[in-house]
Amino acid sequence: MKIVMEQGRSKAQIDSNNKIMATFLIALCAFVFFAFVISFVKTKNPYLLEIQSKIAMFKQ
């Protein structure tokens, strides 16, 4: 028995919907990644503090 998932939609509509879902998932992954990077930078781990102090010494 074949399960039909198209629900009366044309192939172009299904392809368009799949592209929208894929774009949304990519955007969601990018948002989560950048949110993680920003939170990582805000925690000021020792490696970043060392770089920041070197930049401050270079500017003086």
PDB file of N, CA and C in Angstrom:
ATOM      1  N   MET A   1       0.845  -1.188   0.000  1.00  0.00           N
ATOM      2  CA  MET A   1       0.000   0.000   0.000  1.00  0.00           C
ATOM      3  C   MET A   1       0.884   1.243   0.000  1.00  0.00           C
ATOM      4  N   LYS A   2       0.664   2.110  -0.958  1.00  0.00           N
ATOM      5  CA  LYS A   2       1.476   3.322  -1.100  1.00  0.00           C
ATOM      6  C   LYS A   2       0.836   4.472  -0.316  1.00  0.00           C
ATOM      7  N   ILE A   3       1.641   5.099   0.523  1.00  0.00           N
ATOM      8  CA  ILE A   3       1.147   6.248   1.289  1.00  0.00           C
ATOM      9  C   ILE A   3       1.408   7.510   0.467  1.00  0.00           C
ATOM     10  N   VAL A   4       0.366   8.270   0.217  1.00  0.00           N
ATOM     11  CA  VAL A   4       0.492   9.477  -0.596  1.00  0.00           C
ATOM     12  C   VAL A   4       0.604  10.674   0.340  1.00  0.00           C
ATOM     13  N   MET A   5       1.746  11.387   0.252  1.00  0.00           N
ATOM     14  CA  MET A   5       1.985  12.545   1.112  1.00  0.00           C
ATOM     15  C   MET A   5       1.699  13.859   0.388  1.00  0.00           C
ATOM     16  N   GLU A   6       1.344  13.794  -0.879  1.00  0.00           N
ATOM     17  CA  GLU A   6       1.213  15.013  -1.663  1.00  0.00           C
ATOM     18  C   GLU A   6      -0.034  15.811  -1.309  1.00  0.00           C
ATOM     19  N   GLN A   7      -1.088  15.184  -0.886  1.00  0.00           N
ATOM     20  CA  GLN A   7      -2.334  15.825  -0.471  1.00  0.00           C
ATOM     21  C   GLN A   7      -2.898  16.740  -1.555  1.00  0.00           C
ATOM     22  N   GLY A   8      -2.830  16.319  -2.801  1.00  0.00           N
ATOM     23  CA  GLY A   8      -3.412  17.082  -3.890  1.00  0.00           C
ATOM     24  C   GLY A   8      -2.581  18.253  -4.374  1.00  0.00           C
ATOM     25  N   ARG A   9      -1.354  18.366  -3.924  1.00  0.00           N
ATOM     26  CA  ARG A   9      -0.498  19.478  -4.355  1.00  0.00           C
ATOM     27  C   ARG A   9       0.321  19.057  -5.568  1.00  0.00           C
ATOM     28  N   SER A  10       0.677  20.050  -6.371  1.00  0.00           N
ATOM     29  CA  SER A  10       1.499  19.754  -7.547  1.00  0.00           C
ATOM     30  C   SER A  10       2.951  19.552  -7.122  1.00  0.00           C
ATOM     31  N   LYS A  11       3.748  18.996  -8.027  1.00  0.00           N
ATOM     32  CA  LYS A  11       5.166  18.762  -7.731  1.00  0.00           C
ATOM     33  C   LYS A  11       5.893  20.073  -7.469  1.00  0.00           C
ATOM     34  N   ALA A  12       5.538  21.128  -8.202  1.00  0.00           N
ATOM     35  CA  ALA A  12       6.180  22.434  -8.000  1.00  0.00           C
ATOM     36  C   ALA A  12       5.878  22.979  -6.605  1.00  0.00           C
ATOM     37  N   GLN A  13       4.654  22.783  -6.123  1.00  0.00           N
ATOM     38  CA  GLN A  13       4.299  23.247  -4.778  1.00  0.00           C
ATOM     39  C   GLN A  13       5.064  22.470  -3.712  1.00  0.00           C
ATOM     40  N   ILE A  14       5.211  21.180  -3.924  1.00  0.00           N
ATOM     41  CA  ILE A  14       5.943  20.352  -2.961  1.00  0.00           C
ATOM     42  C   ILE A  14       7.414  20.740  -2.947  1.00  0.00           C
ATOM     43  N   ASP A  15       7.998  20.933  -4.136  1.00  0.00           N
ATOM     44  CA  ASP A  15       9.406  21.342  -4.213  1.00  0.00           C
ATOM     45  C   ASP A  15       9.617  22.701  -3.557  1.00  0.00           C
ATOM     46  N   SER A  16       8.688  23.616  -3.786  1.00  0.00           N
ATOM     47  CA  SER A  16       8.786  24.947  -3.190  1.00  0.00           C
ATOM     48  C   SER A  16       8.707  24.853  -1.669  1.00  0.00           C
ATOM     49  N   ASN A  17       7.801  24.040  -1.175  1.00  0.00           N
ATOM     50  CA  ASN A  17       7.656  23.872   0.270  1.00  0.00           C
ATOM     51  C   ASN A  17       8.907  23.237   0.866  1.00  0.00           C
ATOM     52  N   ASN A  18       9.494  22.274   0.164  1.00  0.00           N
ATOM     53  CA  ASN A  18      10.723  21.640   0.645  1.00  0.00           C
ATOM     54  C   ASN A  18      11.871  22.639   0.697  1.00  0.00           C
ATOM     55  N   LYS A  19      11.960  23.524  -0.301  1.00  0.00           N
ATOM     56  CA  LYS A  19      13.010  24.543  -0.303  1.00  0.00           C
ATOM     57  C   LYS A  19      12.828  25.518   0.854  1.00  0.00           C
ATOM     58  N   ILE A  20      11.580  25.888   1.127  1.00  0.00           N
ATOM     59  CA  ILE A  20      11.306  26.799   2.245  1.00  0.00           C
ATOM     60  C   ILE A  20      11.711  26.140   3.561  1.00  0.00           C
ATOM     61  N   MET A  21      11.362  24.870   3.740  1.00  0.00           N
ATOM     62  CA  MET A  21      11.723  24.169   4.977  1.00  0.00           C
ATOM     63  C   MET A  21      13.234  24.030   5.114  1.00  0.00           C
ATOM     64  N   ALA A  22      13.917  23.725   4.026  1.00  0.00           N
ATOM     65  CA  ALA A  22      15.376  23.598   4.073  1.00  0.00           C
ATOM     66  C   ALA A  22      16.019  24.937   4.407  1.00  0.00           C
ATOM     67  N   THR A  23      15.520  26.016   3.806  1.00  0.00           N
ATOM     68  CA  THR A  23      16.048  27.352   4.094  1.00  0.00           C
ATOM     69  C   THR A  23      15.827  27.707   5.553  1.00  0.00           C
ATOM     70  N   PHE A  24      14.650  27.394   6.078  1.00  0.00           N
ATOM     71  CA  PHE A  24      14.355  27.673   7.482  1.00  0.00           C
ATOM     72  C   PHE A  24      15.294  26.897   8.400  1.00  0.00           C
ATOM     73  N   LEU A  25      15.531  25.629   8.101  1.00  0.00           N
ATOM     74  CA  LEU A  25      16.419  24.828   8.943  1.00  0.00           C
ATOM     75  C   LEU A  25      17.852  25.344   8.900  1.00  0.00           C
ATOM     76  N   ILE A  26      18.311  25.758   7.727  1.00  0.00           N
ATOM     77  CA  ILE A  26      19.661  26.317   7.613  1.00  0.00           C
ATOM     78  C   ILE A  26      19.755  27.613   8.406  1.00  0.00           C
ATOM     79  N   ALA A  27      18.739  28.478   8.282  1.00  0.00           N
ATOM     80  CA  ALA A  27      18.737  29.740   9.029  1.00  0.00           C
ATOM     81  C   ALA A  27      18.692  29.479  10.530  1.00  0.00           C
ATOM     82  N   LEU A  28      17.932  28.491  10.951  1.00  0.00           N
ATOM     83  CA  LEU A  28      17.854  28.150  12.371  1.00  0.00           C
ATOM     84  C   LEU A  28      19.200  27.654  12.882  1.00  0.00           C
ATOM     85  N   CYS A  29      19.861  26.799  12.128  1.00  0.00           N
ATOM     86  CA  CYS A  29      21.186  26.308  12.521  1.00  0.00           C
ATOM     87  C   CYS A  29      22.198  27.447  12.582  1.00  0.00           C
ATOM     88  N   ALA A  30      22.139  28.364  11.618  1.00  0.00           N
ATOM     89  CA  ALA A  30      23.050  29.514  11.625  1.00  0.00           C
ATOM     90  C   ALA A  30      22.793  30.382  12.846  1.00  0.00           C
ATOM     91  N   PHE A  31      21.532  30.610  13.179  1.00  0.00           N
ATOM     92  CA  PHE A  31      21.193  31.416  14.352  1.00  0.00           C
ATOM     93  C   PHE A  31      21.717  30.773  15.630  1.00  0.00           C
ATOM     94  N   VAL A  32      21.510  29.475  15.783  1.00  0.00           N
ATOM     95  CA  VAL A  32      21.989  28.773  16.977  1.00  0.00           C
ATOM     96  C   VAL A  32      23.507  28.824  17.049  1.00  0.00           C
ATOM     97  N   PHE A  33      24.183  28.636  15.918  1.00  0.00           N
ATOM     98  CA  PHE A  33      25.645  28.678  15.894  1.00  0.00           C
ATOM     99  C   PHE A  33      26.160  30.054  16.304  1.00  0.00           C
ATOM    100  N   PHE A  34      25.610  31.116  15.704  1.00  0.00           N
ATOM    101  CA  PHE A  34      26.077  32.460  16.035  1.00  0.00           C
ATOM    102  C   PHE A  34      25.713  32.846  17.462  1.00  0.00           C
ATOM    103  N   ALA A  35      24.565  32.390  17.967  1.00  0.00           N
ATOM    104  CA  ALA A  35      24.216  32.654  19.363  1.00  0.00           C
ATOM    105  C   ALA A  35      25.220  31.969  20.288  1.00  0.00           C
ATOM    106  N   PHE A  36      25.635  30.755  19.940  1.00  0.00           N
ATOM    107  CA  PHE A  36      26.643  30.059  20.741  1.00  0.00           C
ATOM    108  C   PHE A  36      27.974  30.799  20.699  1.00  0.00           C
ATOM    109  N   VAL A  37      28.379  31.264  19.523  1.00  0.00           N
ATOM    110  CA  VAL A  37      29.645  31.990  19.392  1.00  0.00           C
ATOM    111  C   VAL A  37      29.609  33.273  20.209  1.00  0.00           C
ATOM    112  N   ILE A  38      28.507  33.997  20.135  1.00  0.00           N
ATOM    113  CA  ILE A  38      28.401  35.246  20.896  1.00  0.00           C
ATOM    114  C   ILE A  38      28.441  34.965  22.390  1.00  0.00           C
ATOM    115  N   SER A  39      27.739  33.943  22.855  1.00  0.00           N
ATOM    116  CA  SER A  39      27.769  33.627  24.285  1.00  0.00           C
ATOM    117  C   SER A  39      29.160  33.161  24.703  1.00  0.00           C
ATOM    118  N   PHE A  40      29.867  32.466  23.810  1.00  0.00           N
ATOM    119  CA  PHE A  40      31.229  32.016  24.114  1.00  0.00           C
ATOM    120  C   PHE A  40      32.159  33.212  24.250  1.00  0.00           C
ATOM    121  N   VAL A  41      32.008  34.192  23.368  1.00  0.00           N
ATOM    122  CA  VAL A  41      32.862  35.382  23.421  1.00  0.00           C
ATOM    123  C   VAL A  41      32.550  36.205  24.668  1.00  0.00           C
ATOM    124  N   LYS A  42      31.280  36.278  25.044  1.00  0.00           N
ATOM    125  CA  LYS A  42      30.899  37.088  26.204  1.00  0.00           C
ATOM    126  C   LYS A  42      31.407  36.500  27.515  1.00  0.00           C
ATOM    127  N   THR A  43      31.673  35.212  27.556  1.00  0.00           N
ATOM    128  CA  THR A  43      32.135  34.612  28.811  1.00  0.00           C
ATOM    129  C   THR A  43      33.566  35.001  29.123  1.00  0.00           C
ATOM    130  N   LYS A  44      34.275  35.544  28.132  1.00  0.00           N
ATOM    131  CA  LYS A  44      35.653  36.022  28.330  1.00  0.00           C
ATOM    132  C   LYS A  44      36.548  34.924  28.904  1.00  0.00           C
ATOM    133  N   ASN A  45      36.709  33.879  28.177  1.00  0.00           N
ATOM    134  CA  ASN A  45      37.599  32.818  28.647  1.00  0.00           C
ATOM    135  C   ASN A  45      39.049  33.308  28.631  1.00  0.00           C
ATOM    136  N   PRO A  46      39.959  32.647  29.314  1.00  0.00           N
ATOM    137  CA  PRO A  46      41.343  33.130  29.450  1.00  0.00           C
ATOM    138  C   PRO A  46      42.053  33.359  28.116  1.00  0.00           C
ATOM    139  N   TYR A  47      41.793  32.531  27.139  1.00  0.00           N
ATOM    140  CA  TYR A  47      42.436  32.703  25.837  1.00  0.00           C
ATOM    141  C   TYR A  47      42.051  34.048  25.220  1.00  0.00           C
ATOM    142  N   LEU A  48      40.757  34.380  25.285  1.00  0.00           N
ATOM    143  CA  LEU A  48      40.310  35.651  24.727  1.00  0.00           C
ATOM    144  C   LEU A  48      40.818  36.828  25.550  1.00  0.00           C
ATOM    145  N   LEU A  49      40.904  36.665  26.869  1.00  0.00           N
ATOM    146  CA  LEU A  49      41.447  37.735  27.712  1.00  0.00           C
ATOM    147  C   LEU A  49      42.908  38.000  27.367  1.00  0.00           C
ATOM    148  N   GLU A  50      43.654  36.950  27.082  1.00  0.00           N
ATOM    149  CA  GLU A  50      45.062  37.112  26.713  1.00  0.00           C
ATOM    150  C   GLU A  50      45.186  37.883  25.396  1.00  0.00           C
ATOM    151  N   ILE A  51      44.367  37.531  24.430  1.00  0.00           N
ATOM    152  CA  ILE A  51      44.385  38.245  23.151  1.00  0.00           C
ATOM    153  C   ILE A  51      43.988  39.705  23.355  1.00  0.00           C
ATOM    154  N   GLN A  52      42.973  39.923  24.188  1.00  0.00           N
ATOM    155  CA  GLN A  52      42.512  41.287  24.439  1.00  0.00           C
ATOM    156  C   GLN A  52      43.609  42.119  25.095  1.00  0.00           C
ATOM    157  N   SER A  53      44.343  41.546  26.036  1.00  0.00           N
ATOM    158  CA  SER A  53      45.416  42.293  26.695  1.00  0.00           C
ATOM    159  C   SER A  53      46.560  42.581  25.718  1.00  0.00           C
ATOM    160  N   LYS A  54      46.858  41.647  24.818  1.00  0.00           N
ATOM    161  CA  LYS A  54      47.898  41.889  23.809  1.00  0.00           C
ATOM    162  C   LYS A  54      47.493  43.013  22.857  1.00  0.00           C
ATOM    163  N   ILE A  55      46.229  43.038  22.480  1.00  0.00           N
ATOM    164  CA  ILE A  55      45.748  44.115  21.605  1.00  0.00           C
ATOM    165  C   ILE A  55      45.822  45.451  22.335  1.00  0.00           C
ATOM    166  N   ALA A  56      45.458  45.460  23.621  1.00  0.00           N
ATOM    167  CA  ALA A  56      45.510  46.700  24.400  1.00  0.00           C
ATOM    168  C   ALA A  56      46.949  47.189  24.526  1.00  0.00           C
ATOM    169  N   MET A  57      47.905  46.281  24.723  1.00  0.00           N
ATOM    170  CA  MET A  57      49.309  46.678  24.822  1.00  0.00           C
ATOM    171  C   MET A  57      49.801  47.199  23.471  1.00  0.00           C
ATOM    172  N   PHE A  58      49.335  46.612  22.391  1.00  0.00           N
ATOM    173  CA  PHE A  58      49.756  47.030  21.055  1.00  0.00           C
ATOM    174  C   PHE A  58      49.258  48.442  20.735  1.00  0.00           C
ATOM    175  N   LYS A  59      48.058  48.775  21.214  1.00  0.00           N
ATOM    176  CA  LYS A  59      47.483  50.089  20.934  1.00  0.00           C
ATOM    177  C   LYS A  59      48.207  51.194  21.693  1.00  0.00           C
ATOM    178  N   GLN A  60      48.820  50.889  22.827  1.00  0.00           N
ATOM    179  CA  GLN A  60      49.481  51.926  23.634  1.00  0.00           C
ATOM    180  C   GLN A  60      50.805  52.275  23.118  1.00  0.00           C
TER     181      GLN A  60
END
